[in-house]
Amino acid sequence: MKTIKLLLLLWIATVNMATAASQSATGKKGVYLSLEDFIGHHVSYEGSKKIILNRFSGASNIRIIENDQAIKLEKDKLFGYRDSDGQDFRFFHNEGYKIIDHAGLFIYTAYASSSVEKGKGWVKKDSYYFSAGGNGTIYPLTIENLKKAFPENLKFHDLLDGLKSEADLAGYDEYRKMVKVNYLYKMSVKAPIE
């Protein structure tokens, strides 16, 4: 009986430590000053009272409230930010793009308005984007745009042509832990086995 109680207490302690660790990791919000900061998981201004992103106004800056003083930073001089849910975003043309994968190409998502043929008005839906590197231009994630971004990589073109639809590009592969297009890209640049 003592062994069971001891095992139960150890299990509860382990669960509590894991929960606390995940909460502290996701609670670490702040600003990425550069691509290197993003790669190194280093956020600045993480202890600030408030970070005002001006997401919906199209403003070119963010404001940070620190020690009861407002600090203004230009979005085009920053890489991006991490929100309190642990989601990473990159600034591009004053907009925030959520980074969903960066194991090869950087893959992003952002809300876009679109009309619906059957229904009323406009709806918001996730649209997918990519860039060839962390500081590269962001383009809509389409087969045509990927081929334009890598005109000499004919193996990549062939792999893209094998997809059933463009929707497959942003599909997440649980086994490989990456977005499908990144798997195809990595396969296209992999040296052939001799």
C-alpha atoms as a PDB file:
ATOM      1  CA  MET A   1       0.000   0.000   0.000  1.00  0.00           C
ATOM      2  CA  LYS A   2       2.872   2.366   0.812  1.00  0.00           C
ATOM      3  CA  THR A   3       4.408   1.673  -2.605  1.00  0.00           C
ATOM      4  CA  ILE A   4       1.154   2.570  -4.356  1.00  0.00           C
ATOM      5  CA  LYS A   5       0.849   5.825  -2.373  1.00  0.00           C
ATOM      6  CA  LEU A   6       4.474   6.691  -3.149  1.00  0.00           C
ATOM      7  CA  LEU A   7       3.979   6.000  -6.855  1.00  0.00           C
ATOM      8  CA  LEU A   8       0.789   8.071  -6.853  1.00  0.00           C
ATOM      9  CA  LEU A   9       2.572  10.997  -5.153  1.00  0.00           C
ATOM     10  CA  LEU A  10       5.456  10.774  -7.658  1.00  0.00           C
ATOM     11  CA  TRP A  11       3.002  10.745 -10.554  1.00  0.00           C
ATOM     12  CA  ILE A  12       1.132  13.800  -9.199  1.00  0.00           C
ATOM     13  CA  ALA A  13       4.412  15.671  -8.677  1.00  0.00           C
ATOM     14  CA  THR A  14       5.523  14.848 -12.229  1.00  0.00           C
ATOM     15  CA  VAL A  15       2.215  16.049 -13.703  1.00  0.00           C
ATOM     16  CA  ASN A  16       2.390  19.269 -11.668  1.00  0.00           C
ATOM     17  CA  MET A  17       5.969  19.981 -12.789  1.00  0.00           C
ATOM     18  CA  ALA A  18       5.112  19.304 -16.443  1.00  0.00           C
ATOM     19  CA  THR A  19       2.065  21.591 -16.240  1.00  0.00           C
ATOM     20  CA  ALA A  20       4.080  24.369 -14.605  1.00  0.00           C
ATOM     21  CA  ALA A  21       6.830  24.043 -17.221  1.00  0.00           C
ATOM     22  CA  SER A  22       4.373  24.223 -20.114  1.00  0.00           C
ATOM     23  CA  GLN A  23       2.594  27.222 -18.596  1.00  0.00           C
ATOM     24  CA  SER A  24       5.852  29.104 -18.093  1.00  0.00           C
ATOM     25  CA  ALA A  25       7.003  28.331 -21.652  1.00  0.00           C
ATOM     26  CA  THR A  26       3.762  29.529 -23.209  1.00  0.00           C
ATOM     27  CA  GLY A  27       3.566  32.537 -20.902  1.00  0.00           C
ATOM     28  CA  LYS A  28       6.925  33.868 -22.157  1.00  0.00           C
ATOM     29  CA  LYS A  29       5.620  36.552 -24.496  1.00  0.00           C
ATOM     30  CA  GLY A  30       7.729  39.270 -26.000  1.00  0.00           C
ATOM     31  CA  VAL A  31       9.309  40.692 -29.124  1.00  0.00           C
ATOM     32  CA  TYR A  32      11.841  39.094 -31.472  1.00  0.00           C
ATOM     33  CA  LEU A  33      14.206  41.867 -32.495  1.00  0.00           C
ATOM     34  CA  SER A  34      15.813  39.753 -35.248  1.00  0.00           C
ATOM     35  CA  LEU A  35      15.662  36.417 -37.052  1.00  0.00           C
ATOM     36  CA  GLU A  36      18.570  35.277 -34.875  1.00  0.00           C
ATOM     37  CA  ASP A  37      16.499  36.028 -31.759  1.00  0.00           C
ATOM     38  CA  PHE A  38      13.648  33.917 -33.171  1.00  0.00           C
ATOM     39  CA  ILE A  39      15.969  31.009 -34.006  1.00  0.00           C
ATOM     40  CA  GLY A  40      17.542  31.252 -30.521  1.00  0.00           C
ATOM     41  CA  HIS A  41      14.125  31.592 -28.792  1.00  0.00           C
ATOM     42  CA  HIS A  42      15.180  34.901 -27.242  1.00  0.00           C
ATOM     43  CA  VAL A  43      12.347  37.375 -26.665  1.00  0.00           C
ATOM     44  CA  SER A  44      12.912  40.955 -25.580  1.00  0.00           C
ATOM     45  CA  TYR A  45      10.533  42.944 -23.367  1.00  0.00           C
ATOM     46  CA  GLU A  46       9.157  39.740 -21.821  1.00  0.00           C
ATOM     47  CA  GLY A  47       8.589  41.397 -18.439  1.00  0.00           C
ATOM     48  CA  SER A  48       6.663  44.319 -19.885  1.00  0.00           C
ATOM     49  CA  LYS A  49       3.243  45.214 -18.563  1.00  0.00           C
ATOM     50  CA  LYS A  50       1.686  45.410 -21.988  1.00  0.00           C
ATOM     51  CA  ILE A  51       2.621  44.983 -25.649  1.00  0.00           C
ATOM     52  CA  ILE A  52       0.249  46.790 -28.000  1.00  0.00           C
ATOM     53  CA  LEU A  53       0.636  45.336 -31.476  1.00  0.00           C
ATOM     54  CA  ASN A  54      -1.757  47.602 -33.429  1.00  0.00           C
ATOM     55  CA  ARG A  55      -2.764  44.569 -35.489  1.00  0.00           C
ATOM     56  CA  PHE A  56      -6.019  45.821 -36.919  1.00  0.00           C
ATOM     57  CA  SER A  57      -5.122  49.443 -37.565  1.00  0.00           C
ATOM     58  CA  GLY A  58      -2.342  48.674 -40.045  1.00  0.00           C
ATOM     59  CA  ALA A  59      -0.017  50.824 -37.947  1.00  0.00           C
ATOM     60  CA  SER A  60       3.695  50.659 -38.670  1.00  0.00           C
ATOM     61  CA  ASN A  61       4.693  50.405 -35.003  1.00  0.00           C
ATOM     62  CA  ILE A  62       4.041  48.606 -31.765  1.00  0.00           C
ATOM     63  CA  ARG A  63       4.003  50.112 -28.294  1.00  0.00           C
ATOM     64  CA  ILE A  64       5.422  48.508 -25.186  1.00  0.00           C
ATOM     65  CA  ILE A  65       4.488  49.675 -21.709  1.00  0.00           C
ATOM     66  CA  GLU A  66       7.465  49.127 -19.427  1.00  0.00           C
ATOM     67  CA  ASN A  67       8.056  50.804 -16.056  1.00  0.00           C
ATOM     68  CA  ASP A  68       5.035  53.043 -16.769  1.00  0.00           C
ATOM     69  CA  GLN A  69       6.701  54.409 -19.908  1.00  0.00           C
ATOM     70  CA  ALA A  70       5.645  53.783 -23.505  1.00  0.00           C
ATOM     71  CA  ILE A  71       8.309  52.543 -25.911  1.00  0.00           C
ATOM     72  CA  LYS A  72       7.537  52.732 -29.622  1.00  0.00           C
ATOM     73  CA  LEU A  73       9.190  50.242 -32.020  1.00  0.00           C
ATOM     74  CA  GLU A  74       8.834  50.160 -35.813  1.00  0.00           C
ATOM     75  CA  LYS A  75       7.524  46.824 -37.111  1.00  0.00           C
ATOM     76  CA  ASP A  76       9.789  46.881 -40.166  1.00  0.00           C
ATOM     77  CA  LYS A  77      12.844  46.894 -37.884  1.00  0.00           C
ATOM     78  CA  LEU A  78      11.633  43.860 -35.881  1.00  0.00           C
ATOM     79  CA  PHE A  79      11.359  40.196 -36.806  1.00  0.00           C
ATOM     80  CA  GLY A  80       8.135  39.468 -34.914  1.00  0.00           C
ATOM     81  CA  TYR A  81       6.689  38.517 -31.557  1.00  0.00           C
ATOM     82  CA  ARG A  82       5.509  35.664 -29.345  1.00  0.00           C
ATOM     83  CA  ASP A  83       2.066  35.924 -27.799  1.00  0.00           C
ATOM     84  CA  SER A  84       1.034  34.671 -24.362  1.00  0.00           C
ATOM     85  CA  ASP A  85      -0.209  31.397 -25.901  1.00  0.00           C
ATOM     86  CA  GLY A  86       3.306  30.622 -27.143  1.00  0.00           C
ATOM     87  CA  GLN A  87       2.476  31.325 -30.800  1.00  0.00           C
ATOM     88  CA  ASP A  88       5.205  32.975 -32.884  1.00  0.00           C
ATOM     89  CA  PHE A  89       4.474  35.657 -35.485  1.00  0.00           C
ATOM     90  CA  ARG A  90       6.568  37.464 -38.070  1.00  0.00           C
ATOM     91  CA  PHE A  91       6.018  41.049 -39.176  1.00  0.00           C
ATOM     92  CA  PHE A  92       5.879  41.664 -42.919  1.00  0.00           C
ATOM     93  CA  HIS A  93       4.505  44.878 -44.419  1.00  0.00           C
ATOM     94  CA  ASN A  94       3.146  45.828 -40.973  1.00  0.00           C
ATOM     95  CA  GLU A  95       1.083  42.651 -40.690  1.00  0.00           C
ATOM     96  CA  GLY A  96       1.615  39.730 -38.320  1.00  0.00           C
ATOM     97  CA  TYR A  97       1.891  36.281 -39.914  1.00  0.00           C
ATOM     98  CA  LYS A  98       1.640  33.268 -37.610  1.00  0.00           C
ATOM     99  CA  ILE A  99       4.606  30.928 -38.098  1.00  0.00           C
ATOM    100  CA  ILE A 100       3.372  27.346 -38.286  1.00  0.00           C
ATOM    101  CA  ASP A 101       6.571  25.663 -39.521  1.00  0.00           C
ATOM    102  CA  HIS A 102      10.132  26.636 -40.342  1.00  0.00           C
ATOM    103  CA  ALA A 103      11.801  23.284 -40.961  1.00  0.00           C
ATOM    104  CA  GLY A 104      12.940  24.260 -44.474  1.00  0.00           C
ATOM    105  CA  LEU A 105      10.656  26.937 -45.830  1.00  0.00           C
ATOM    106  CA  PHE A 106       8.921  29.307 -43.429  1.00  0.00           C
ATOM    107  CA  ILE A 107       5.188  28.532 -43.546  1.00  0.00           C
ATOM    108  CA  TYR A 108       2.692  31.066 -42.197  1.00  0.00           C
ATOM    109  CA  THR A 109      -0.998  31.526 -41.763  1.00  0.00           C
ATOM    110  CA  ALA A 110      -3.027  34.707 -41.537  1.00  0.00           C
ATOM    111  CA  TYR A 111      -6.686  35.592 -41.624  1.00  0.00           C
ATOM    112  CA  ALA A 112      -8.079  36.859 -44.896  1.00  0.00           C
ATOM    113  CA  SER A 113     -11.584  37.980 -45.736  1.00  0.00           C
ATOM    114  CA  SER A 114     -13.335  36.123 -48.493  1.00  0.00           C
ATOM    115  CA  SER A 115     -16.825  36.220 -49.907  1.00  0.00           C
ATOM    116  CA  VAL A 116     -19.045  33.170 -49.788  1.00  0.00           C
ATOM    117  CA  GLU A 117     -21.236  32.347 -52.779  1.00  0.00           C
ATOM    118  CA  LYS A 118     -24.001  30.893 -50.648  1.00  0.00           C
ATOM    119  CA  GLY A 119     -24.404  32.927 -47.539  1.00  0.00           C
ATOM    120  CA  LYS A 120     -24.308  36.432 -46.254  1.00  0.00           C
ATOM    121  CA  GLY A 121     -21.394  38.805 -46.496  1.00  0.00           C
ATOM    122  CA  TRP A 122     -17.748  38.079 -45.861  1.00  0.00           C
ATOM    123  CA  VAL A 123     -16.175  35.370 -43.773  1.00  0.00           C
ATOM    124  CA  LYS A 124     -12.677  35.133 -42.355  1.00  0.00           C
ATOM    125  CA  LYS A 125     -10.623  32.089 -43.169  1.00  0.00           C
ATOM    126  CA  ASP A 126      -7.035  31.024 -42.712  1.00  0.00           C
ATOM    127  CA  SER A 127      -4.858  31.661 -45.729  1.00  0.00           C
ATOM    128  CA  TYR A 128      -1.418  30.104 -46.026  1.00  0.00           C
ATOM    129  CA  TYR A 129       1.832  31.786 -47.045  1.00  0.00           C
ATOM    130  CA  PHE A 130       5.526  30.951 -47.343  1.00  0.00           C
ATOM    131  CA  SER A 131       8.945  32.545 -47.573  1.00  0.00           C
ATOM    132  CA  ALA A 132      12.186  30.937 -48.712  1.00  0.00           C
ATOM    133  CA  GLY A 133      13.919  32.107 -45.515  1.00  0.00           C
ATOM    134  CA  GLY A 134      13.101  33.865 -42.286  1.00  0.00           C
ATOM    135  CA  ASN A 135      13.701  37.307 -43.789  1.00  0.00           C
ATOM    136  CA  GLY A 136      12.459  36.524 -47.306  1.00  0.00           C
ATOM    137  CA  THR A 137       9.436  37.970 -49.056  1.00  0.00           C
ATOM    138  CA  ILE A 138       6.157  36.332 -48.031  1.00  0.00           C
ATOM    139  CA  TYR A 139       4.014  34.913 -50.863  1.00  0.00           C
ATOM    140  CA  PRO A 140       0.680  33.067 -50.908  1.00  0.00           C
ATOM    141  CA  LEU A 141       1.303  29.318 -50.609  1.00  0.00           C
ATOM    142  CA  THR A 142       0.475  28.057 -54.086  1.00  0.00           C
ATOM    143  CA  ILE A 143       2.160  25.554 -56.357  1.00  0.00           C
ATOM    144  CA  GLU A 144       2.757  28.277 -58.942  1.00  0.00           C
ATOM    145  CA  ASN A 145       4.444  30.601 -56.416  1.00  0.00           C
ATOM    146  CA  LEU A 146       6.621  27.771 -55.099  1.00  0.00           C
ATOM    147  CA  LYS A 147       7.785  26.926 -58.623  1.00  0.00           C
ATOM    148  CA  LYS A 148       8.569  30.614 -59.257  1.00  0.00           C
ATOM    149  CA  ALA A 149      10.544  30.827 -56.003  1.00  0.00           C
ATOM    150  CA  PHE A 150      12.654  27.779 -56.951  1.00  0.00           C
ATOM    151  CA  PRO A 151      12.855  27.792 -60.774  1.00  0.00           C
ATOM    152  CA  GLU A 152      15.951  25.550 -60.972  1.00  0.00           C
ATOM    153  CA  ASN A 153      14.731  22.919 -58.504  1.00  0.00           C
ATOM    154  CA  LEU A 154      12.997  20.630 -61.018  1.00  0.00           C
ATOM    155  CA  LYS A 155      12.775  17.772 -58.521  1.00  0.00           C
ATOM    156  CA  PHE A 156      10.704  20.063 -56.277  1.00  0.00           C
ATOM    157  CA  HIS A 157       8.478  20.917 -59.271  1.00  0.00           C
ATOM    158  CA  ASP A 158       7.901  17.209 -59.942  1.00  0.00           C
ATOM    159  CA  LEU A 159       7.044  16.525 -56.280  1.00  0.00           C
ATOM    160  CA  LEU A 160       4.612  19.475 -56.273  1.00  0.00           C
ATOM    161  CA  ASP A 161       2.968  18.161 -59.450  1.00  0.00           C
ATOM    162  CA  GLY A 162       2.298  14.882 -57.616  1.00  0.00           C
ATOM    163  CA  LEU A 163      -0.045  16.555 -55.114  1.00  0.00           C
ATOM    164  CA  LYS A 164      -3.783  16.012 -55.473  1.00  0.00           C
ATOM    165  CA  SER A 165      -4.592  19.639 -54.647  1.00  0.00           C
ATOM    166  CA  GLU A 166      -3.018  22.863 -53.364  1.00  0.00           C
ATOM    167  CA  ALA A 167      -4.752  22.266 -50.037  1.00  0.00           C
ATOM    168  CA  ASP A 168      -2.270  19.402 -49.478  1.00  0.00           C
ATOM    169  CA  LEU A 169       0.622  21.903 -49.331  1.00  0.00           C
ATOM    170  CA  ALA A 170      -0.327  23.120 -45.847  1.00  0.00           C
ATOM    171  CA  GLY A 171      -1.341  19.712 -44.500  1.00  0.00           C
ATOM    172  CA  TYR A 172       0.515  18.684 -41.348  1.00  0.00           C
ATOM    173  CA  ASP A 173       2.275  15.317 -41.329  1.00  0.00           C
ATOM    174  CA  GLU A 174       2.067  13.960 -37.771  1.00  0.00           C
ATOM    175  CA  TYR A 175       4.654  11.258 -38.449  1.00  0.00           C
ATOM    176  CA  ARG A 176       7.314  13.648 -39.775  1.00  0.00           C
ATOM    177  CA  LYS A 177       6.223  16.551 -37.533  1.00  0.00           C
ATOM    178  CA  MET A 178       6.241  19.076 -40.371  1.00  0.00           C
ATOM    179  CA  VAL A 179       4.044  20.681 -42.992  1.00  0.00           C
ATOM    180  CA  LYS A 180       3.801  18.637 -46.223  1.00  0.00           C
ATOM    181  CA  VAL A 181       5.423  21.298 -48.436  1.00  0.00           C
ATOM    182  CA  ASN A 182       8.475  21.345 -46.160  1.00  0.00           C
ATOM    183  CA  TYR A 183       8.796  17.584 -46.461  1.00  0.00           C
ATOM    184  CA  LEU A 184       8.639  17.865 -50.273  1.00  0.00           C
ATOM    185  CA  TYR A 185      11.177  20.683 -50.243  1.00  0.00           C
ATOM    186  CA  LYS A 186      13.585  18.724 -48.035  1.00  0.00           C
ATOM    187  CA  MET A 187      13.223  15.683 -50.312  1.00  0.00           C
ATOM    188  CA  SER A 188      14.056  17.834 -53.340  1.00  0.00           C
ATOM    189  CA  VAL A 189      17.294  19.220 -51.881  1.00  0.00           C
ATOM    190  CA  LYS A 190      18.424  15.947 -50.312  1.00  0.00           C
ATOM    191  CA  ALA A 191      21.524  14.522 -51.952  1.00  0.00           C
ATOM    192  CA  PRO A 192      20.846  11.274 -53.808  1.00  0.00           C
ATOM    193  CA  ILE A 193      22.048   8.105 -52.067  1.00  0.00           C
ATOM    194  CA  GLU A 194      24.858   6.416 -54.006  1.00  0.00           C
END
